Amino acid sequence: MKRKIGIMGGTFDPIHIGHLILGEKAYQQFGLEKIMFMPSGNPPHKQHREGRATDEQRVEMVRRAIEDNPHFALSLEEMNADGYSYTYRTLERLKGQNPGVEYYFIIGADSLFDFDGWKEPGRICQAAKLLVAGRNHVEKPRLISQMKYLGEKYNGEFFLLDIPNLDISSKMLRKWIAESESILYYVPDSVYTYIKEQKIYK
């Protein structure tokens, strides 16, 4: 019986309650042992990061956000200084290091429809099962159709997460902060305090 571990990747700039609820739902619905929150160090699709949090600040925000949850863990697996972070490399490395673990990689609906453009999507599918979170603007039949198409194309396993529709994005929160609007309750209190103390996104 393999251990089942979920992976939540992202820039987490900043991490918000939508990320945390998604991780908790994945943990519950698929009987996972834990969820690893894995901040991306140098994602190829987000290279120009002016006005954003530093790597150290993003890691600290994730650490603060998850510290009270015993089945959430922080992973610095992708916080490398040199070279880009590619999902397939990370997953293959983890799988090689931990052959007794079955990995469940969590993605959003937007990523599902961009998946063909990811680096080595077939290798991602061989290294992990994919858990897909829906969003308000994507109808469920369309999601399921895309999951079926990708599963057949790459011989992968895609599963739909049953989650509430919380249309929150880090981009939206950064904009609000820049415009001096409150993000209270959209992020954990400890993260809210840290953003204010560090004057991030101002």
Protein backbone atom coordinates (compact mmCIF):
# COMPACT_ATOMS: atom_id res chain seq x y z
CA MET A 1 0.00 0.00 0.00
CA LYS A 2 1.65 3.22 -1.17
CA ARG A 3 1.54 6.43 0.85
CA LYS A 4 -0.57 9.12 -0.82
CA ILE A 5 0.78 12.67 -0.76
CA GLY A 6 -0.68 15.75 -2.41
CA ILE A 7 1.37 18.57 -3.92
CA MET A 8 0.13 22.13 -4.22
CA GLY A 9 2.49 24.15 -6.36
CA GLY A 10 2.36 27.83 -7.20
CA THR A 11 4.02 31.19 -6.71
CA PHE A 12 1.80 31.90 -3.66
CA ASP A 13 2.21 35.63 -4.19
CA PRO A 14 0.42 35.84 -1.78
CA ILE A 15 -1.02 32.57 -0.53
CA HIS A 16 -4.75 32.99 0.23
CA ILE A 17 -7.69 31.10 1.72
CA GLY A 18 -8.59 29.62 -1.68
CA HIS A 19 -5.26 27.73 -1.73
CA LEU A 20 -5.81 26.47 1.82
CA ILE A 21 -9.39 25.32 1.22
CA LEU A 22 -8.30 23.56 -1.96
CA GLY A 23 -5.53 21.72 -0.11
CA GLU A 24 -7.88 20.70 2.69
CA LYS A 25 -10.55 19.41 0.28
CA ALA A 26 -7.96 17.38 -1.66
CA TYR A 27 -6.70 15.91 1.62
CA GLN A 28 -10.21 14.89 2.64
CA GLN A 29 -11.59 13.66 -0.67
CA PHE A 30 -8.65 11.49 -1.67
CA GLY A 31 -7.56 10.24 1.75
CA LEU A 32 -4.13 11.81 1.46
CA GLU A 33 -1.51 11.57 4.19
CA LYS A 34 -0.50 15.22 3.78
CA ILE A 35 -0.41 18.15 1.39
CA MET A 36 2.95 19.66 0.50
CA PHE A 37 2.79 23.38 -0.34
CA MET A 38 5.60 23.95 -2.81
CA PRO A 39 6.42 27.56 -3.75
CA SER A 40 7.91 27.88 -7.25
CA GLY A 41 11.37 29.39 -7.19
CA ASN A 42 11.80 30.42 -10.79
CA PRO A 43 8.75 29.43 -12.85
CA PRO A 44 9.40 29.83 -16.61
CA HIS A 45 6.00 31.47 -17.23
CA LYS A 46 6.42 34.14 -14.51
CA GLN A 47 9.89 35.55 -14.99
CA HIS A 48 9.12 39.27 -14.67
CA ARG A 49 8.11 39.79 -11.06
CA GLU A 50 8.44 43.54 -10.39
CA GLY A 51 6.36 44.72 -7.44
CA ARG A 52 6.07 41.19 -6.11
CA ALA A 53 7.19 39.49 -2.90
CA THR A 54 10.72 38.11 -2.71
CA ASP A 55 11.29 34.34 -2.61
CA GLU A 56 11.98 34.60 1.14
CA GLN A 57 8.76 36.54 1.73
CA ARG A 58 6.66 34.08 -0.28
CA VAL A 59 8.10 31.15 1.66
CA GLU A 60 7.45 32.90 4.97
CA MET A 61 3.84 33.64 4.00
CA VAL A 62 3.27 29.96 3.16
CA ARG A 63 4.94 28.86 6.39
CA ARG A 64 2.69 31.17 8.43
CA ALA A 65 -0.46 30.17 6.52
CA ILE A 66 -0.07 26.43 7.09
CA GLU A 67 1.64 26.23 10.48
CA ASP A 68 -1.55 25.33 12.40
CA ASN A 69 -2.53 22.45 10.12
CA PRO A 70 -0.81 19.15 11.05
CA HIS A 71 -1.32 17.61 7.59
CA PHE A 72 0.03 20.61 5.66
CA ALA A 73 3.78 20.84 5.08
CA LEU A 74 6.13 23.35 3.43
CA SER A 75 8.39 22.00 0.68
CA LEU A 76 11.35 24.00 -0.65
CA GLU A 77 11.89 21.47 -3.43
CA GLU A 78 11.52 24.13 -6.16
CA MET A 79 13.26 27.00 -4.41
CA ASN A 80 16.45 26.62 -6.41
CA ALA A 81 18.60 29.59 -7.35
CA ASP A 82 19.80 28.32 -10.72
CA GLY A 83 17.68 26.99 -13.54
CA TYR A 84 13.94 27.09 -14.07
CA SER A 85 11.40 25.09 -12.08
CA TYR A 86 9.74 22.47 -14.28
CA THR A 87 6.99 20.35 -12.79
CA TYR A 88 8.01 17.13 -14.55
CA ARG A 89 11.57 17.36 -13.16
CA THR A 90 10.35 17.99 -9.63
CA LEU A 91 7.86 15.12 -9.73
CA GLU A 92 10.33 12.66 -11.26
CA ARG A 93 12.94 13.61 -8.65
CA LEU A 94 10.46 13.11 -5.80
CA LYS A 95 9.23 9.82 -7.23
CA GLY A 96 12.82 8.57 -7.56
CA GLN A 97 13.61 9.55 -3.97
CA ASN A 98 10.38 8.11 -2.56
CA PRO A 99 9.30 5.02 -4.55
CA GLY A 100 6.78 4.11 -1.85
CA VAL A 101 4.80 7.31 -2.38
CA GLU A 102 1.98 8.00 -4.84
CA TYR A 103 1.86 11.71 -5.66
CA TYR A 104 -1.30 13.71 -6.38
CA PHE A 105 -0.54 17.00 -8.12
CA ILE A 106 -3.22 19.69 -7.69
CA ILE A 107 -3.95 22.06 -10.58
CA GLY A 108 -6.63 24.62 -11.37
CA ALA A 109 -9.01 24.71 -14.31
CA ASP A 110 -6.86 27.31 -16.08
CA SER A 111 -3.83 25.02 -15.87
CA LEU A 112 -5.90 22.10 -17.17
CA PHE A 113 -6.62 23.93 -20.42
CA ASP A 114 -2.97 25.05 -20.71
CA PHE A 115 -1.63 21.58 -19.91
CA ASP A 116 -0.70 20.74 -23.52
CA GLY A 117 1.72 23.66 -23.42
CA TRP A 118 3.50 22.54 -20.25
CA LYS A 119 6.99 21.08 -20.48
CA GLU A 120 6.74 17.29 -20.89
CA PRO A 121 3.06 16.80 -19.96
CA GLY A 122 3.34 13.07 -20.61
CA ARG A 123 6.10 12.72 -18.04
CA ILE A 124 4.05 14.68 -15.50
CA CYS A 125 1.20 12.20 -15.98
CA GLN A 126 3.53 9.23 -15.42
CA ALA A 127 4.92 10.75 -12.21
CA ALA A 128 1.65 11.77 -10.54
CA LYS A 129 -2.12 11.67 -10.61
CA LEU A 130 -3.69 15.05 -11.41
CA LEU A 131 -6.38 16.58 -9.19
CA VAL A 132 -8.31 19.34 -10.93
CA ALA A 133 -10.05 22.23 -9.17
CA GLY A 134 -12.88 23.88 -11.06
CA ARG A 135 -13.58 27.61 -11.29
CA ASN A 136 -16.76 29.65 -11.68
CA HIS A 137 -16.26 30.48 -15.34
CA VAL A 138 -15.67 26.87 -16.49
CA GLU A 139 -18.67 24.57 -16.83
CA LYS A 140 -18.29 21.08 -15.33
CA PRO A 141 -19.00 19.14 -18.59
CA ARG A 142 -16.24 21.13 -20.33
CA LEU A 143 -13.82 20.34 -17.50
CA ILE A 144 -14.62 16.62 -17.59
CA SER A 145 -14.26 16.56 -21.38
CA GLN A 146 -10.81 18.16 -21.19
CA MET A 147 -9.73 15.78 -18.41
CA LYS A 148 -10.82 12.79 -20.53
CA TYR A 149 -8.99 14.15 -23.59
CA LEU A 150 -5.74 14.72 -21.69
CA GLY A 151 -5.99 11.41 -19.84
CA GLU A 152 -6.24 9.52 -23.13
CA LYS A 153 -3.58 11.60 -24.89
CA TYR A 154 -0.96 11.24 -22.15
CA ASN A 155 -2.09 7.99 -20.53
CA GLY A 156 -2.70 9.90 -17.31
CA GLU A 157 -5.23 9.92 -14.49
CA PHE A 158 -7.21 13.13 -13.92
CA PHE A 159 -9.71 13.51 -11.08
CA LEU A 160 -12.12 16.37 -10.40
CA LEU A 161 -12.04 17.99 -6.96
CA ASP A 162 -15.38 18.86 -5.41
CA ILE A 163 -14.73 22.33 -4.01
CA PRO A 164 -16.75 25.49 -3.33
CA ASN A 165 -16.45 28.21 -5.96
CA LEU A 166 -14.17 30.80 -4.38
CA ASP A 167 -13.13 33.18 -7.11
CA ILE A 168 -10.04 34.58 -5.40
CA SER A 169 -6.72 35.17 -7.11
CA SER A 170 -3.33 36.38 -5.89
CA LYS A 171 -3.33 38.90 -8.74
CA MET A 172 -6.59 40.40 -7.47
CA LEU A 173 -5.22 40.66 -3.91
CA ARG A 174 -2.00 42.34 -5.08
CA LYS A 175 -4.09 44.90 -6.96
CA TRP A 176 -6.23 45.60 -3.92
CA ILE A 177 -3.18 46.11 -1.70
CA ALA A 178 -1.60 48.47 -4.25
CA GLU A 179 -4.86 50.46 -4.23
CA SER A 180 -4.99 50.44 -0.39
CA GLU A 181 -8.08 48.19 -0.30
CA SER A 182 -8.39 45.69 2.54
CA ILE A 183 -7.65 41.99 1.99
CA LEU A 184 -8.67 41.07 5.53
CA TYR A 185 -10.21 37.55 5.67
CA TYR A 186 -8.95 36.73 2.16
CA VAL A 187 -5.63 35.60 3.68
CA PRO A 188 -4.90 34.09 7.11
CA ASP A 189 -4.44 36.69 9.86
CA SER A 190 -0.74 35.85 10.25
CA VAL A 191 -0.17 36.45 6.53
CA TYR A 192 -2.19 39.67 6.61
CA THR A 193 -0.04 40.99 9.47
CA TYR A 194 3.19 39.97 7.71
CA ILE A 195 2.20 41.71 4.45
CA LYS A 196 1.48 44.90 6.38
CA GLU A 197 4.69 44.71 8.41
CA GLN A 198 6.84 44.08 5.34
CA LYS A 199 4.92 46.57 3.19
CA ILE A 200 4.70 43.99 0.38
CA TYR A 201 2.91 44.94 -2.88
CA LYS A 202 2.73 48.64 -2.00
